[in-house]
């Protein structure tokens, strides 16, 4: 019986150490992605910051895809499945409370983009 308790205790101690994937949403339009790490002016992660974009695709950019994901407790979030060659520029708007920032996605320069965003 003592061996089973030790096993359960070891599992319980190790479980918080396992890294969880950040929240993500897919545009299903390609193989590019954008990873965000959002911090406040003091460098602390911002929980529940909103990462939003509007992607236009199709003939005459008539289709609109409105994507939004919120950051986790580590200030991280991802948008995957972004197009390699967008019809129009893609801009991500990052906001929390009254603070906001934006970044431009340029897949021709970096298909798997990583953004460090400080909300001040």
C-alpha atoms as a PDB file:
ATOM      1  CA  UNK A   1       0.000   0.000   0.000  1.00  0.00           C
ATOM      2  CA  UNK A   2       2.913   2.381   0.722  1.00  0.00           C
ATOM      3  CA  UNK A   3       4.158   2.003  -2.881  1.00  0.00           C
ATOM      4  CA  UNK A   4       0.826   3.171  -4.306  1.00  0.00           C
ATOM      5  CA  UNK A   5       0.827   6.303  -2.126  1.00  0.00           C
ATOM      6  CA  UNK A   6       4.350   7.140  -3.257  1.00  0.00           C
ATOM      7  CA  UNK A   7       3.338   6.764  -6.909  1.00  0.00           C
ATOM      8  CA  UNK A   8       0.299   9.020  -6.464  1.00  0.00           C
ATOM      9  CA  UNK A   9       2.363  11.609  -4.594  1.00  0.00           C
ATOM     10  CA  UNK A  10       5.047  11.629  -7.305  1.00  0.00           C
ATOM     11  CA  UNK A  11       2.397  12.076 -10.014  1.00  0.00           C
ATOM     12  CA  UNK A  12       0.745  14.899  -8.073  1.00  0.00           C
ATOM     13  CA  UNK A  13       4.082  16.679  -7.674  1.00  0.00           C
ATOM     14  CA  UNK A  14       5.050  16.241 -11.337  1.00  0.00           C
ATOM     15  CA  UNK A  15       1.691  17.278 -12.845  1.00  0.00           C
ATOM     16  CA  UNK A  16       2.118  21.076 -12.353  1.00  0.00           C
ATOM     17  CA  UNK A  17       5.550  20.858 -13.989  1.00  0.00           C
ATOM     18  CA  UNK A  18       4.096  19.641 -17.281  1.00  0.00           C
ATOM     19  CA  UNK A  19       3.880  22.577 -19.678  1.00  0.00           C
ATOM     20  CA  UNK A  20       0.434  23.089 -21.156  1.00  0.00           C
ATOM     21  CA  UNK A  21       0.050  24.405 -24.683  1.00  0.00           C
ATOM     22  CA  UNK A  22      -1.059  28.022 -24.864  1.00  0.00           C
ATOM     23  CA  UNK A  23      -4.583  28.745 -26.140  1.00  0.00           C
ATOM     24  CA  UNK A  24      -4.732  28.655 -29.915  1.00  0.00           C
ATOM     25  CA  UNK A  25      -7.134  29.176 -32.766  1.00  0.00           C
ATOM     26  CA  UNK A  26      -6.732  28.145 -36.403  1.00  0.00           C
ATOM     27  CA  UNK A  27      -7.517  30.166 -39.514  1.00  0.00           C
ATOM     28  CA  UNK A  28      -7.232  26.972 -41.639  1.00  0.00           C
ATOM     29  CA  UNK A  29      -5.756  29.026 -44.513  1.00  0.00           C
ATOM     30  CA  UNK A  30      -2.124  27.846 -44.618  1.00  0.00           C
ATOM     31  CA  UNK A  31       0.882  26.629 -42.665  1.00  0.00           C
ATOM     32  CA  UNK A  32       2.069  29.864 -41.018  1.00  0.00           C
ATOM     33  CA  UNK A  33       1.524  30.805 -37.382  1.00  0.00           C
ATOM     34  CA  UNK A  34       1.886  33.646 -34.907  1.00  0.00           C
ATOM     35  CA  UNK A  35       2.824  33.102 -31.263  1.00  0.00           C
ATOM     36  CA  UNK A  36       2.260  35.890 -28.756  1.00  0.00           C
ATOM     37  CA  UNK A  37       3.757  36.589 -25.341  1.00  0.00           C
ATOM     38  CA  UNK A  38       1.961  39.564 -23.791  1.00  0.00           C
ATOM     39  CA  UNK A  39       3.384  41.394 -20.779  1.00  0.00           C
ATOM     40  CA  UNK A  40       2.543  44.552 -18.847  1.00  0.00           C
ATOM     41  CA  UNK A  41       4.832  47.572 -18.383  1.00  0.00           C
ATOM     42  CA  UNK A  42       6.584  45.755 -15.522  1.00  0.00           C
ATOM     43  CA  UNK A  43       7.304  42.661 -17.645  1.00  0.00           C
ATOM     44  CA  UNK A  44       4.692  40.448 -15.952  1.00  0.00           C
ATOM     45  CA  UNK A  45       2.492  38.172 -18.109  1.00  0.00           C
ATOM     46  CA  UNK A  46      -0.966  39.528 -18.905  1.00  0.00           C
ATOM     47  CA  UNK A  47      -3.763  37.004 -18.365  1.00  0.00           C
ATOM     48  CA  UNK A  48      -6.807  37.173 -20.651  1.00  0.00           C
ATOM     49  CA  UNK A  49      -5.359  39.730 -23.066  1.00  0.00           C
ATOM     50  CA  UNK A  50      -7.348  39.727 -26.311  1.00  0.00           C
ATOM     51  CA  UNK A  51      -5.498  38.916 -29.574  1.00  0.00           C
ATOM     52  CA  UNK A  52      -7.736  39.773 -32.530  1.00  0.00           C
ATOM     53  CA  UNK A  53      -7.421  39.910 -36.323  1.00  0.00           C
ATOM     54  CA  UNK A  54      -9.649  40.082 -39.376  1.00  0.00           C
ATOM     55  CA  UNK A  55      -8.401  38.114 -42.397  1.00  0.00           C
ATOM     56  CA  UNK A  56      -9.847  38.734 -45.828  1.00  0.00           C
ATOM     57  CA  UNK A  57      -9.567  35.955 -48.400  1.00  0.00           C
ATOM     58  CA  UNK A  58     -11.107  34.675 -51.605  1.00  0.00           C
ATOM     59  CA  UNK A  59     -11.877  36.513 -54.822  1.00  0.00           C
ATOM     60  CA  UNK A  60     -11.809  40.273 -54.262  1.00  0.00           C
ATOM     61  CA  UNK A  61     -11.114  39.533 -50.567  1.00  0.00           C
ATOM     62  CA  UNK A  62     -14.850  39.060 -50.124  1.00  0.00           C
ATOM     63  CA  UNK A  63     -14.638  36.435 -47.361  1.00  0.00           C
ATOM     64  CA  UNK A  64     -13.870  37.712 -43.887  1.00  0.00           C
ATOM     65  CA  UNK A  65     -12.501  35.577 -41.080  1.00  0.00           C
ATOM     66  CA  UNK A  66     -12.712  37.194 -37.654  1.00  0.00           C
ATOM     67  CA  UNK A  67     -10.302  35.472 -35.228  1.00  0.00           C
ATOM     68  CA  UNK A  68      -9.858  36.087 -31.516  1.00  0.00           C
ATOM     69  CA  UNK A  69      -7.977  34.241 -28.781  1.00  0.00           C
ATOM     70  CA  UNK A  70      -7.156  35.201 -25.182  1.00  0.00           C
ATOM     71  CA  UNK A  71      -3.844  34.706 -23.413  1.00  0.00           C
ATOM     72  CA  UNK A  72      -3.301  32.180 -20.636  1.00  0.00           C
ATOM     73  CA  UNK A  73      -1.824  32.900 -17.192  1.00  0.00           C
ATOM     74  CA  UNK A  74       1.669  32.993 -18.770  1.00  0.00           C
ATOM     75  CA  UNK A  75       0.522  35.706 -21.212  1.00  0.00           C
ATOM     76  CA  UNK A  76       0.749  33.321 -24.182  1.00  0.00           C
ATOM     77  CA  UNK A  77      -1.573  32.615 -27.119  1.00  0.00           C
ATOM     78  CA  UNK A  78      -1.199  31.378 -30.718  1.00  0.00           C
ATOM     79  CA  UNK A  79      -2.962  31.743 -34.030  1.00  0.00           C
ATOM     80  CA  UNK A  80      -2.155  28.908 -36.427  1.00  0.00           C
ATOM     81  CA  UNK A  81      -3.133  28.036 -39.989  1.00  0.00           C
ATOM     82  CA  UNK A  82      -2.322  31.507 -41.322  1.00  0.00           C
ATOM     83  CA  UNK A  83      -1.846  31.997 -45.088  1.00  0.00           C
ATOM     84  CA  UNK A  84       1.653  32.054 -46.598  1.00  0.00           C
ATOM     85  CA  UNK A  85       0.539  34.756 -49.058  1.00  0.00           C
ATOM     86  CA  UNK A  86      -2.345  36.828 -47.655  1.00  0.00           C
ATOM     87  CA  UNK A  87      -4.601  38.767 -50.040  1.00  0.00           C
ATOM     88  CA  UNK A  88      -4.319  41.827 -47.796  1.00  0.00           C
ATOM     89  CA  UNK A  89      -1.960  42.711 -44.935  1.00  0.00           C
ATOM     90  CA  UNK A  90      -2.758  41.013 -41.643  1.00  0.00           C
ATOM     91  CA  UNK A  91      -2.561  43.041 -38.445  1.00  0.00           C
ATOM     92  CA  UNK A  92      -3.032  41.648 -34.952  1.00  0.00           C
ATOM     93  CA  UNK A  93      -4.628  43.885 -32.334  1.00  0.00           C
ATOM     94  CA  UNK A  94      -3.633  42.994 -28.765  1.00  0.00           C
ATOM     95  CA  UNK A  95      -5.560  44.573 -25.888  1.00  0.00           C
ATOM     96  CA  UNK A  96      -6.256  44.298 -22.185  1.00  0.00           C
ATOM     97  CA  UNK A  97      -8.341  46.769 -20.200  1.00  0.00           C
ATOM     98  CA  UNK A  98      -7.522  50.209 -21.661  1.00  0.00           C
ATOM     99  CA  UNK A  99      -4.103  49.223 -23.003  1.00  0.00           C
ATOM    100  CA  UNK A 100      -3.583  48.150 -26.620  1.00  0.00           C
ATOM    101  CA  UNK A 101      -0.906  47.434 -29.193  1.00  0.00           C
ATOM    102  CA  UNK A 102      -0.766  46.077 -32.729  1.00  0.00           C
ATOM    103  CA  UNK A 103       1.708  44.092 -34.800  1.00  0.00           C
ATOM    104  CA  UNK A 104       1.868  43.370 -38.522  1.00  0.00           C
ATOM    105  CA  UNK A 105       2.182  39.792 -39.756  1.00  0.00           C
ATOM    106  CA  UNK A 106       4.609  39.405 -42.655  1.00  0.00           C
ATOM    107  CA  UNK A 107       4.747  35.725 -43.666  1.00  0.00           C
ATOM    108  CA  UNK A 108       7.256  36.380 -46.457  1.00  0.00           C
ATOM    109  CA  UNK A 109       9.757  37.473 -43.758  1.00  0.00           C
ATOM    110  CA  UNK A 110       8.768  35.035 -41.005  1.00  0.00           C
ATOM    111  CA  UNK A 111       6.115  32.361 -41.536  1.00  0.00           C
ATOM    112  CA  UNK A 112       6.329  31.181 -37.926  1.00  0.00           C
ATOM    113  CA  UNK A 113       6.324  34.559 -36.211  1.00  0.00           C
ATOM    114  CA  UNK A 114       6.910  35.117 -32.512  1.00  0.00           C
ATOM    115  CA  UNK A 115       5.835  38.398 -30.951  1.00  0.00           C
ATOM    116  CA  UNK A 116       6.811  39.835 -27.583  1.00  0.00           C
ATOM    117  CA  UNK A 117       4.118  42.441 -26.900  1.00  0.00           C
ATOM    118  CA  UNK A 118       4.335  44.868 -23.993  1.00  0.00           C
ATOM    119  CA  UNK A 119       1.077  46.617 -23.107  1.00  0.00           C
ATOM    120  CA  UNK A 120       1.856  49.980 -21.532  1.00  0.00           C
END
